[in-house]
Structures are given as C-alpha cells and as structure tokens.
Protein backbone atom coordinates (compact mmCIF):
# COMPACT_ATOMS: atom_id res chain seq x y z
CA UNK A 1 62.13 -82.86 -106.25
CA UNK A 2 61.38 -82.21 -102.59
CA UNK A 3 58.29 -83.72 -101.00
CA UNK A 4 56.83 -82.87 -97.60
CA UNK A 5 56.39 -86.10 -95.64
CA UNK A 6 52.59 -85.89 -95.62
CA UNK A 7 52.50 -85.31 -99.39
CA UNK A 8 54.91 -88.19 -99.97
CA UNK A 9 52.71 -90.48 -97.86
CA UNK A 10 49.56 -89.47 -99.70
CA UNK A 11 51.14 -89.78 -103.15
CA UNK A 12 53.68 -92.54 -102.55
CA UNK A 13 53.08 -94.26 -105.90
CA UNK A 14 53.73 -90.93 -107.65
CA UNK A 15 56.95 -90.43 -105.62
CA UNK A 16 58.15 -93.90 -106.61
CA UNK A 17 57.26 -93.35 -110.26
CA UNK A 18 59.13 -90.03 -110.31
CA UNK A 19 62.14 -91.70 -108.66
CA UNK A 20 62.12 -94.25 -111.49
CA UNK A 21 61.77 -91.69 -114.29
CA UNK A 22 63.28 -88.44 -112.99
CA UNK A 23 65.80 -89.52 -110.36
CA UNK A 24 66.04 -89.40 -106.57
CA UNK A 25 63.16 -87.79 -104.68
CA UNK A 26 63.83 -86.04 -101.37
CA UNK A 27 61.36 -86.26 -98.50
CA UNK A 28 61.46 -83.51 -95.89
CA UNK A 29 60.27 -83.52 -92.31
CA UNK A 30 59.58 -80.08 -90.84
CA UNK A 31 61.66 -78.52 -93.62
CA UNK A 32 64.70 -80.75 -93.02
CA UNK A 33 65.80 -83.41 -95.46
CA UNK A 34 64.81 -86.75 -93.92
CA UNK A 35 64.93 -89.41 -96.63
CA UNK A 36 65.70 -89.97 -100.29
CA UNK A 37 63.64 -92.30 -102.45
CA UNK A 38 65.76 -93.99 -105.15
CA UNK A 39 64.86 -96.25 -108.02
CA UNK A 40 66.06 -99.83 -107.61
CA UNK A 41 68.49 -99.21 -110.47
CA UNK A 42 70.02 -96.17 -108.73
CA UNK A 43 70.26 -98.08 -105.45
CA UNK A 44 72.00 -101.04 -107.14
CA UNK A 45 74.48 -98.65 -108.74
CA UNK A 46 75.27 -97.14 -105.33
CA UNK A 47 75.42 -100.42 -103.43
CA UNK A 48 77.24 -102.12 -106.28
CA UNK A 49 79.51 -105.03 -105.64
CA UNK A 50 81.20 -103.51 -102.64
CA UNK A 51 82.78 -106.17 -100.46
CA UNK A 52 81.61 -106.53 -96.88
CA UNK A 53 84.13 -106.20 -94.05
CA UNK A 54 84.97 -109.93 -93.98
CA UNK A 55 85.60 -110.06 -97.72
CA UNK A 56 87.65 -106.87 -97.50
CA UNK A 57 89.84 -108.26 -94.70
CA UNK A 58 90.30 -111.61 -96.42
CA UNK A 59 91.30 -109.87 -99.63
CA UNK A 60 94.16 -108.03 -97.92
CA UNK A 61 97.73 -108.22 -99.10
CA UNK A 62 99.27 -111.66 -99.38
CA UNK A 63 101.82 -112.66 -96.78
CA UNK A 64 105.27 -113.42 -98.09
CA UNK A 65 106.99 -116.57 -96.85
CA UNK A 66 109.25 -114.74 -94.37
CA UNK A 67 106.30 -113.02 -92.69
CA UNK A 68 104.30 -116.26 -92.55
CA UNK A 69 107.28 -118.01 -90.94
CA UNK A 70 107.60 -115.24 -88.35
CA UNK A 71 103.93 -115.53 -87.44
CA UNK A 72 104.19 -119.33 -87.19
CA UNK A 73 107.26 -119.12 -84.90
CA UNK A 74 105.72 -116.74 -82.38
CA UNK A 75 104.77 -118.04 -78.97
CA UNK A 76 101.36 -119.59 -78.78
CA UNK A 77 100.55 -118.22 -75.34
CA UNK A 78 99.40 -114.68 -74.51
CA UNK A 79 102.15 -112.10 -74.22
CA UNK A 80 100.61 -110.67 -71.00
CA UNK A 81 99.12 -112.08 -67.87
CA UNK A 82 95.32 -111.97 -67.88
CA UNK A 83 93.67 -109.17 -65.94
CA UNK A 84 91.32 -110.50 -63.30
C-alpha cells in the first residue's frame, strides 16, 4: 500500500502494523516513492547472513603453495620510486 508522508506520520503505528501483517508499505513524498517500511522479519530475510567486505575478501580462494612461494619471494621494497 502507498502512504503519503503526512498520512504515514499521523498513522505510523497503523503503517507498522500493516507492514507486519500485509507486507512492505511504501511512503511517498510529493508523489514519488521515498521509503519502504518493512517488518523486522522481512528486513532480516533481506539482510540475511551476507558477509561484509572484510569477510568476503578473507573468504577468497585459497592460495596454492606455488603462488604463496611466489608472493613470499617478491622484493620487499616498493617497485617504484615514491612521488614527492
């Protein structure tokens, strides 16, 4: 259901209750969709157990021994002169 912002403000408890029982409620501002009110259950389903960027990077493919050796053998100094 679409709610004008002023109506949603005045009847917020009703908007929340409808989000819990009927599904997402859309709030419009000057006729344009501005926000969606979700039940906590719907939000949890969307947010889920998605990894954050650090977890995603750390969970990348495992390095094989040859690649790890190549990385360990590389020079430990920068490959370019610093720009001043």
